[in-house]
PDB file of N, CA and C in Angstrom:
ATOM      1  N   MET A   1     108.774  86.048  99.435  1.00  0.00           N
ATOM      2  CA  MET A   1     109.623  87.226  99.410  1.00  0.00           C
ATOM      3  C   MET A   1     110.120  87.519 100.819  1.00  0.00           C
ATOM      4  N   SER A   2     111.230  88.123 100.874  1.00  0.00           N
ATOM      5  CA  SER A   2     111.820  88.485 102.148  1.00  0.00           C
ATOM      6  C   SER A   2     111.055  89.643 102.789  1.00  0.00           C
ATOM      7  N   PRO A   3     110.826  89.565 104.096  1.00  0.00           N
ATOM      8  CA  PRO A   3     110.188  90.696 104.784  1.00  0.00           C
ATOM      9  C   PRO A   3     111.009  91.973 104.657  1.00  0.00           C
ATOM     10  N   LEU A   4     112.309  91.838 104.460  1.00  0.00           N
ATOM     11  CA  LEU A   4     113.150  93.025 104.303  1.00  0.00           C
ATOM     12  C   LEU A   4     112.772  93.819 103.058  1.00  0.00           C
ATOM     13  N   PHE A   5     112.257  93.147 102.052  1.00  0.00           N
ATOM     14  CA  PHE A   5     111.805  93.830 100.836  1.00  0.00           C
ATOM     15  C   PHE A   5     110.788  94.910 101.188  1.00  0.00           C
ATOM     16  N   PHE A   6     109.825  94.552 102.027  1.00  0.00           N
ATOM     17  CA  PHE A   6     108.776  95.501 102.402  1.00  0.00           C
ATOM     18  C   PHE A   6     109.302  96.588 103.328  1.00  0.00           C
ATOM     19  N   LEU A   7     110.169  96.220 104.235  1.00  0.00           N
ATOM     20  CA  LEU A   7     110.675  97.184 105.205  1.00  0.00           C
ATOM     21  C   LEU A   7     111.607  98.210 104.589  1.00  0.00           C
ATOM     22  N   ARG A   8     112.269  97.831 103.511  1.00  0.00           N
ATOM     23  CA  ARG A   8     113.221  98.741 102.875  1.00  0.00           C
ATOM     24  C   ARG A   8     112.562  99.669 101.870  1.00  0.00           C
ATOM     25  N   ARG A   9     111.360  99.431 101.540  1.00  0.00           N
ATOM     26  CA  ARG A   9     110.659 100.259 100.560  1.00  0.00           C
ATOM     27  C   ARG A   9     109.453 100.908 101.220  1.00  0.00           C
ATOM     28  N   GLU A  10     109.580 102.206 101.425  1.00  0.00           N
ATOM     29  CA  GLU A  10     108.525 102.938 102.131  1.00  0.00           C
ATOM     30  C   GLU A  10     107.177 102.784 101.440  1.00  0.00           C
ATOM     31  N   LYS A  11     107.186 102.712 100.119  1.00  0.00           N
ATOM     32  CA  LYS A  11     105.942 102.577  99.369  1.00  0.00           C
ATOM     33  C   LYS A  11     105.175 101.335  99.805  1.00  0.00           C
ATOM     34  N   TYR A  12     105.872 100.240 100.043  1.00  0.00           N
ATOM     35  CA  TYR A  12     105.222  98.993 100.427  1.00  0.00           C
ATOM     36  C   TYR A  12     105.022  98.898 101.930  1.00  0.00           C
ATOM     37  N   ALA A  13     105.929  99.495 102.699  1.00  0.00           N
ATOM     38  CA  ALA A  13     105.839  99.423 104.155  1.00  0.00           C
ATOM     39  C   ALA A  13     104.668 100.253 104.675  1.00  0.00           C
ATOM     40  N   SER A  14     104.382 101.363 103.999  1.00  0.00           N
ATOM     41  CA  SER A  14     103.276 102.215 104.419  1.00  0.00           C
ATOM     42  C   SER A  14     101.967 101.468 104.277  1.00  0.00           C
ATOM     43  N   GLY A  15     101.223 101.374 105.356  1.00  0.00           N
ATOM     44  CA  GLY A  15      99.940 100.695 105.316  1.00  0.00           C
ATOM     45  C   GLY A  15     100.031  99.191 105.395  1.00  0.00           C
ATOM     46  N   PHE A  16     101.228  98.654 105.645  1.00  0.00           N
ATOM     47  CA  PHE A  16     101.398  97.201 105.684  1.00  0.00           C
ATOM     48  C   PHE A  16     100.551  96.570 106.782  1.00  0.00           C
ATOM     49  N   SER A  17     100.462  97.228 107.906  1.00  0.00           N
ATOM     50  CA  SER A  17      99.660  96.706 109.015  1.00  0.00           C
ATOM     51  C   SER A  17      98.193  96.560 108.608  1.00  0.00           C
ATOM     52  N   GLU A  18      97.673  97.544 107.849  1.00  0.00           N
ATOM     53  CA  GLU A  18      96.293  97.479 107.393  1.00  0.00           C
ATOM     54  C   GLU A  18      96.088  96.317 106.430  1.00  0.00           C
ATOM     55  N   ARG A  19      97.116  96.014 105.626  1.00  0.00           N
ATOM     56  CA  ARG A  19      97.011  94.892 104.693  1.00  0.00           C
ATOM     57  C   ARG A  19      96.884  93.565 105.423  1.00  0.00           C
ATOM     58  N   LEU A  20      97.333  93.546 106.666  1.00  0.00           N
ATOM     59  CA  LEU A  20      97.210  92.347 107.482  1.00  0.00           C
ATOM     60  C   LEU A  20      95.918  92.336 108.296  1.00  0.00           C
ATOM     61  N   GLY A  21      95.069  93.351 108.090  1.00  0.00           N
ATOM     62  CA  GLY A  21      93.777  93.384 108.764  1.00  0.00           C
ATOM     63  C   GLY A  21      93.740  94.231 110.020  1.00  0.00           C
ATOM     64  N   ASN A  22      94.785  94.997 110.300  1.00  0.00           N
ATOM     65  CA  ASN A  22      94.828  95.871 111.475  1.00  0.00           C
ATOM     66  C   ASN A  22      94.413  97.282 111.068  1.00  0.00           C
ATOM     67  N   TYR A  23      93.129  97.566 111.179  1.00  0.00           N
ATOM     68  CA  TYR A  23      92.598  98.844 110.734  1.00  0.00           C
ATOM     69  C   TYR A  23      92.462  99.803 111.902  1.00  0.00           C
ATOM     70  N   PRO A  24      92.448 101.111 111.614  1.00  0.00           N
ATOM     71  CA  PRO A  24      92.205 102.079 112.679  1.00  0.00           C
ATOM     72  C   PRO A  24      90.837 101.823 113.312  1.00  0.00           C
ATOM     73  N   GLU A  25      90.678 102.250 114.539  1.00  0.00           N
ATOM     74  CA  GLU A  25      89.415 102.033 115.250  1.00  0.00           C
ATOM     75  C   GLU A  25      88.271 102.709 114.500  1.00  0.00           C
ATOM     76  N   PHE A  26      87.198 101.985 114.341  1.00  0.00           N
ATOM     77  CA  PHE A  26      86.006 102.508 113.667  1.00  0.00           C
ATOM     78  C   PHE A  26      84.880 102.569 114.692  1.00  0.00           C
ATOM     79  N   ILE A  27      84.388 103.744 114.928  1.00  0.00           N
ATOM     80  CA  ILE A  27      83.287 103.927 115.872  1.00  0.00           C
ATOM     81  C   ILE A  27      82.007 104.071 115.066  1.00  0.00           C
ATOM     82  N   HIS A  28      81.144 103.072 115.169  1.00  0.00           N
ATOM     83  CA  HIS A  28      79.893 103.089 114.412  1.00  0.00           C
ATOM     84  C   HIS A  28      78.937 104.086 115.051  1.00  0.00           C
ATOM     85  N   ASP A  29      78.408 104.968 114.241  1.00  0.00           N
ATOM     86  CA  ASP A  29      77.505 105.992 114.762  1.00  0.00           C
ATOM     87  C   ASP A  29      76.048 105.754 114.366  1.00  0.00           C
ATOM     88  N   GLY A  30      75.749 104.553 113.876  1.00  0.00           N
ATOM     89  CA  GLY A  30      74.366 104.213 113.547  1.00  0.00           C
ATOM     90  C   GLY A  30      73.989 104.411 112.093  1.00  0.00           C
ATOM     91  N   ARG A  31      74.795 105.174 111.341  1.00  0.00           N
ATOM     92  CA  ARG A  31      74.490 105.376 109.927  1.00  0.00           C
ATOM     93  C   ARG A  31      74.914 104.157 109.116  1.00  0.00           C
ATOM     94  N   LYS A  32      74.262 103.937 107.981  1.00  0.00           N
ATOM     95  CA  LYS A  32      74.702 102.907 107.050  1.00  0.00           C
ATOM     96  C   LYS A  32      76.055 103.335 106.487  1.00  0.00           C
ATOM     97  N   VAL A  33      76.900 102.351 106.191  1.00  0.00           N
ATOM     98  CA  VAL A  33      78.269 102.627 105.754  1.00  0.00           C
ATOM     99  C   VAL A  33      78.471 102.177 104.308  1.00  0.00           C
ATOM    100  N   ILE A  34      79.113 103.037 103.538  1.00  0.00           N
ATOM    101  CA  ILE A  34      79.565 102.692 102.191  1.00  0.00           C
ATOM    102  C   ILE A  34      81.080 102.717 102.243  1.00  0.00           C
ATOM    103  N   TRP A  35      81.684 101.595 101.909  1.00  0.00           N
ATOM    104  CA  TRP A  35      83.144 101.484 101.934  1.00  0.00           C
ATOM    105  C   TRP A  35      83.630 101.436 100.495  1.00  0.00           C
ATOM    106  N   LEU A  36      84.455 102.389 100.118  1.00  0.00           N
ATOM    107  CA  LEU A  36      85.010 102.496  98.777  1.00  0.00           C
ATOM    108  C   LEU A  36      86.514 102.265  98.869  1.00  0.00           C
ATOM    109  N   HIS A  37      87.009 101.247  98.175  1.00  0.00           N
ATOM    110  CA  HIS A  37      88.441 100.963  98.200  1.00  0.00           C
ATOM    111  C   HIS A  37      89.067 101.388  96.879  1.00  0.00           C
ATOM    112  N   CYS A  38      90.050 102.267  96.972  1.00  0.00           N
ATOM    113  CA  CYS A  38      90.802 102.748  95.809  1.00  0.00           C
ATOM    114  C   CYS A  38      92.227 102.250  95.964  1.00  0.00           C
ATOM    115  N   VAL A  39      92.710 101.473  95.016  1.00  0.00           N
ATOM    116  CA  VAL A  39      94.031 100.875  95.145  1.00  0.00           C
ATOM    117  C   VAL A  39      95.137 101.917  95.050  1.00  0.00           C
ATOM    118  N   SER A  40      95.025 102.841  94.118  1.00  0.00           N
ATOM    119  CA  SER A  40      96.144 103.741  93.827  1.00  0.00           C
ATOM    120  C   SER A  40      95.654 105.174  93.640  1.00  0.00           C
ATOM    121  N   VAL A  41      96.598 106.040  93.308  1.00  0.00           N
ATOM    122  CA  VAL A  41      96.276 107.441  93.035  1.00  0.00           C
ATOM    123  C   VAL A  41      95.301 107.546  91.869  1.00  0.00           C
ATOM    124  N   GLY A  42      95.527 106.758  90.823  1.00  0.00           N
ATOM    125  CA  GLY A  42      94.646 106.796  89.654  1.00  0.00           C
ATOM    126  C   GLY A  42      93.216 106.438  90.008  1.00  0.00           C
ATOM    127  N   GLU A  43      93.023 105.403  90.792  1.00  0.00           N
ATOM    128  CA  GLU A  43      91.673 105.021  91.185  1.00  0.00           C
ATOM    129  C   GLU A  43      91.075 106.043  92.149  1.00  0.00           C
ATOM    130  N   THR A  44      91.898 106.631  92.990  1.00  0.00           N
ATOM    131  CA  THR A  44      91.408 107.671  93.906  1.00  0.00           C
ATOM    132  C   THR A  44      90.914 108.867  93.110  1.00  0.00           C
ATOM    133  N   ASN A  45      91.669 109.273  92.101  1.00  0.00           N
ATOM    134  CA  ASN A  45      91.231 110.371  91.227  1.00  0.00           C
ATOM    135  C   ASN A  45      89.956 109.998  90.487  1.00  0.00           C
ATOM    136  N   ALA A  46      89.895 108.777  89.988  1.00  0.00           N
ATOM    137  CA  ALA A  46      88.714 108.333  89.241  1.00  0.00           C
ATOM    138  C   ALA A  46      87.475 108.275  90.130  1.00  0.00           C
ATOM    139  N   ALA A  47      87.649 108.092  91.418  1.00  0.00           N
ATOM    140  CA  ALA A  47      86.520 107.964  92.343  1.00  0.00           C
ATOM    141  C   ALA A  47      85.916 109.295  92.751  1.00  0.00           C
ATOM    142  N   ARG A  48      86.549 110.391  92.397  1.00  0.00           N
ATOM    143  CA  ARG A  48      86.054 111.714  92.829  1.00  0.00           C
ATOM    144  C   ARG A  48      84.592 111.945  92.442  1.00  0.00           C
ATOM    145  N   SER A  49      84.246 111.690  91.201  1.00  0.00           N
ATOM    146  CA  SER A  49      82.860 111.944  90.778  1.00  0.00           C
ATOM    147  C   SER A  49      81.901 110.962  91.444  1.00  0.00           C
ATOM    148  N   LEU A  50      82.338 109.726  91.673  1.00  0.00           N
ATOM    149  CA  LEU A  50      81.499 108.753  92.379  1.00  0.00           C
ATOM    150  C   LEU A  50      81.230 109.207  93.806  1.00  0.00           C
ATOM    151  N   VAL A  51      82.257 109.679  94.484  1.00  0.00           N
ATOM    152  CA  VAL A  51      82.093 110.154  95.858  1.00  0.00           C
ATOM    153  C   VAL A  51      81.154 111.358  95.901  1.00  0.00           C
ATOM    154  N   ASP A  52      81.311 112.279  94.968  1.00  0.00           N
ATOM    155  CA  ASP A  52      80.408 113.435  94.912  1.00  0.00           C
ATOM    156  C   ASP A  52      78.958 112.986  94.719  1.00  0.00           C
ATOM    157  N   GLN A  53      78.752 112.025  93.828  1.00  0.00           N
ATOM    158  CA  GLN A  53      77.403 111.513  93.560  1.00  0.00           C
ATOM    159  C   GLN A  53      76.828 110.803  94.786  1.00  0.00           C
ATOM    160  N   LEU A  54      77.629 109.941  95.409  1.00  0.00           N
ATOM    161  CA  LEU A  54      77.173 109.240  96.619  1.00  0.00           C
ATOM    162  C   LEU A  54      76.819 110.232  97.713  1.00  0.00           C
ATOM    163  N   TRP A  55      77.660 111.226  97.881  1.00  0.00           N
ATOM    164  CA  TRP A  55      77.441 112.219  98.927  1.00  0.00           C
ATOM    165  C   TRP A  55      76.145 113.006  98.697  1.00  0.00           C
ATOM    166  N   SER A  56      75.867 113.317  97.432  1.00  0.00           N
ATOM    167  CA  SER A  56      74.656 114.099  97.149  1.00  0.00           C
ATOM    168  C   SER A  56      73.390 113.247  97.220  1.00  0.00           C
ATOM    169  N   GLU A  57      73.479 111.964  96.817  1.00  0.00           N
ATOM    170  CA  GLU A  57      72.288 111.108  96.811  1.00  0.00           C
ATOM    171  C   GLU A  57      72.052 110.356  98.116  1.00  0.00           C
ATOM    172  N   LEU A  58      73.102 110.154  98.894  1.00  0.00           N
ATOM    173  CA  LEU A  58      72.975 109.387 100.145  1.00  0.00           C
ATOM    174  C   LEU A  58      73.635 110.138 101.306  1.00  0.00           C
ATOM    175  N   PRO A  59      73.157 111.341 101.601  1.00  0.00           N
ATOM    176  CA  PRO A  59      73.816 112.152 102.636  1.00  0.00           C
ATOM    177  C   PRO A  59      73.717 111.566 104.048  1.00  0.00           C
ATOM    178  N   ASP A  60      72.791 110.633 104.252  1.00  0.00           N
ATOM    179  CA  ASP A  60      72.637 110.041 105.574  1.00  0.00           C
ATOM    180  C   ASP A  60      73.522 108.813 105.774  1.00  0.00           C
ATOM    181  N   HIS A  61      74.335 108.473 104.783  1.00  0.00           N
ATOM    182  CA  HIS A  61      75.266 107.344 104.875  1.00  0.00           C
ATOM    183  C   HIS A  61      76.656 107.844 105.259  1.00  0.00           C
ATOM    184  N   ARG A  62      77.423 106.983 105.858  1.00  0.00           N
ATOM    185  CA  ARG A  62      78.809 107.295 106.182  1.00  0.00           C
ATOM    186  C   ARG A  62      79.686 106.700 105.091  1.00  0.00           C
ATOM    187  N   LEU A  63      80.625 107.489 104.583  1.00  0.00           N
ATOM    188  CA  LEU A  63      81.497 107.051 103.500  1.00  0.00           C
ATOM    189  C   LEU A  63      82.904 106.806 104.041  1.00  0.00           C
ATOM    190  N   ILE A  64      83.392 105.590 103.814  1.00  0.00           N
ATOM    191  CA  ILE A  64      84.748 105.213 104.218  1.00  0.00           C
ATOM    192  C   ILE A  64      85.538 104.964 102.937  1.00  0.00           C
ATOM    193  N   VAL A  65      86.702 105.589 102.822  1.00  0.00           N
ATOM    194  CA  VAL A  65      87.560 105.387 101.658  1.00  0.00           C
ATOM    195  C   VAL A  65      88.879 104.810 102.136  1.00  0.00           C
ATOM    196  N   SER A  66      89.282 103.696 101.529  1.00  0.00           N
ATOM    197  CA  SER A  66      90.575 103.097 101.842  1.00  0.00           C
ATOM    198  C   SER A  66      91.402 103.009 100.566  1.00  0.00           C
ATOM    199  N   THR A  67      92.725 102.929 100.743  1.00  0.00           N
ATOM    200  CA  THR A  67      93.647 102.815  99.610  1.00  0.00           C
ATOM    201  C   THR A  67      94.729 101.802  99.947  1.00  0.00           C
ATOM    202  N   THR A  68      95.543 101.472  98.951  1.00  0.00           N
ATOM    203  CA  THR A  68      96.636 100.532  99.166  1.00  0.00           C
ATOM    204  C   THR A  68      97.983 101.229  99.237  1.00  0.00           C
ATOM    205  N   THR A  69      98.167 102.289  98.471  1.00  0.00           N
ATOM    206  CA  THR A  69      99.470 102.952  98.422  1.00  0.00           C
ATOM    207  C   THR A  69      99.510 104.198  99.291  1.00  0.00           C
ATOM    208  N   LYS A  70     100.712 104.576  99.674  1.00  0.00           N
ATOM    209  CA  LYS A  70     100.895 105.779 100.498  1.00  0.00           C
ATOM    210  C   LYS A  70     100.426 107.029  99.756  1.00  0.00           C
ATOM    211  N   THR A  71     100.763 107.125  98.485  1.00  0.00           N
ATOM    212  CA  THR A  71     100.356 108.295  97.711  1.00  0.00           C
ATOM    213  C   THR A  71      98.835 108.323  97.524  1.00  0.00           C
ATOM    214  N   GLY A  72      98.222 107.151  97.380  1.00  0.00           N
ATOM    215  CA  GLY A  72      96.765 107.076  97.309  1.00  0.00           C
ATOM    216  C   GLY A  72      96.124 107.526  98.605  1.00  0.00           C
ATOM    217  N   GLN A  73      96.723 107.146  99.745  1.00  0.00           N
ATOM    218  CA  GLN A  73      96.208 107.559 101.049  1.00  0.00           C
ATOM    219  C   GLN A  73      96.283 109.071 101.214  1.00  0.00           C
ATOM    220  N   GLU A  74      97.420 109.632 100.826  1.00  0.00           N
ATOM    221  CA  GLU A  74      97.597 111.080 100.952  1.00  0.00           C
ATOM    222  C   GLU A  74      96.579 111.835 100.100  1.00  0.00           C
ATOM    223  N   LEU A  75      96.379 111.386  98.864  1.00  0.00           N
ATOM    224  CA  LEU A  75      95.421 112.046  97.986  1.00  0.00           C
ATOM    225  C   LEU A  75      93.999 111.890  98.518  1.00  0.00           C
ATOM    226  N   ALA A  76      93.642 110.707  98.971  1.00  0.00           N
ATOM    227  CA  ALA A  76      92.293 110.474  99.492  1.00  0.00           C
ATOM    228  C   ALA A  76      92.009 111.374 100.694  1.00  0.00           C
ATOM    229  N   LYS A  77      92.964 111.507 101.589  1.00  0.00           N
ATOM    230  CA  LYS A  77      92.785 112.389 102.753  1.00  0.00           C
ATOM    231  C   LYS A  77      92.556 113.830 102.309  1.00  0.00           C
ATOM    232  N   LYS A  78      93.251 114.223 101.263  1.00  0.00           N
ATOM    233  CA  LYS A  78      93.146 115.599 100.761  1.00  0.00           C
ATOM    234  C   LYS A  78      91.823 115.858 100.041  1.00  0.00           C
ATOM    235  N   VAL A  79      91.460 114.991  99.090  1.00  0.00           N
ATOM    236  CA  VAL A  79      90.299 115.282  98.238  1.00  0.00           C
ATOM    237  C   VAL A  79      88.957 114.853  98.838  1.00  0.00           C
ATOM    238  N   PHE A  80      88.977 113.901  99.786  1.00  0.00           N
ATOM    239  CA  PHE A  80      87.721 113.448 100.373  1.00  0.00           C
ATOM    240  C   PHE A  80      87.524 113.914 101.807  1.00  0.00           C
ATOM    241  N   ALA A  81      88.304 114.882 102.244  1.00  0.00           N
ATOM    242  CA  ALA A  81      88.259 115.331 103.636  1.00  0.00           C
ATOM    243  C   ALA A  81      86.858 115.773 104.070  1.00  0.00           C
ATOM    244  N   GLU A  82      86.144 116.490 103.210  1.00  0.00           N
ATOM    245  CA  GLU A  82      84.820 116.963 103.609  1.00  0.00           C
ATOM    246  C   GLU A  82      83.767 115.867 103.594  1.00  0.00           C
ATOM    247  N   HIS A  83      83.980 114.813 102.803  1.00  0.00           N
ATOM    248  CA  HIS A  83      83.017 113.720 102.710  1.00  0.00           C
ATOM    249  C   HIS A  83      83.295 112.600 103.700  1.00  0.00           C
ATOM    250  N   CYS A  84      84.530 112.476 104.147  1.00  0.00           N
ATOM    251  CA  CYS A  84      84.922 111.364 105.032  1.00  0.00           C
ATOM    252  C   CYS A  84      85.641 111.929 106.249  1.00  0.00           C
ATOM    253  N   PRO A  85      84.916 112.582 107.129  1.00  0.00           N
ATOM    254  CA  PRO A  85      85.578 113.190 108.299  1.00  0.00           C
ATOM    255  C   PRO A  85      86.148 112.157 109.252  1.00  0.00           C
TER     256      PRO A  85
END
């Protein structure tokens, strides 16, 4: 596919760098890490009860949530803000 396809569509361009393995800096603070990947808004919504359960049963762990779509990222930042500072 043409690279222009991705650049012309904000939905695909958003987070493209992360898809290539360029993630934001992660500073390890010594806690065990649970990484939860939600592809879309639907999976992010479905993960709410899982995140609540993980947070209540494993409060000493650090929870990282990643998504693939821009709308999934926006929702994850909103609904998991208290669990994933």
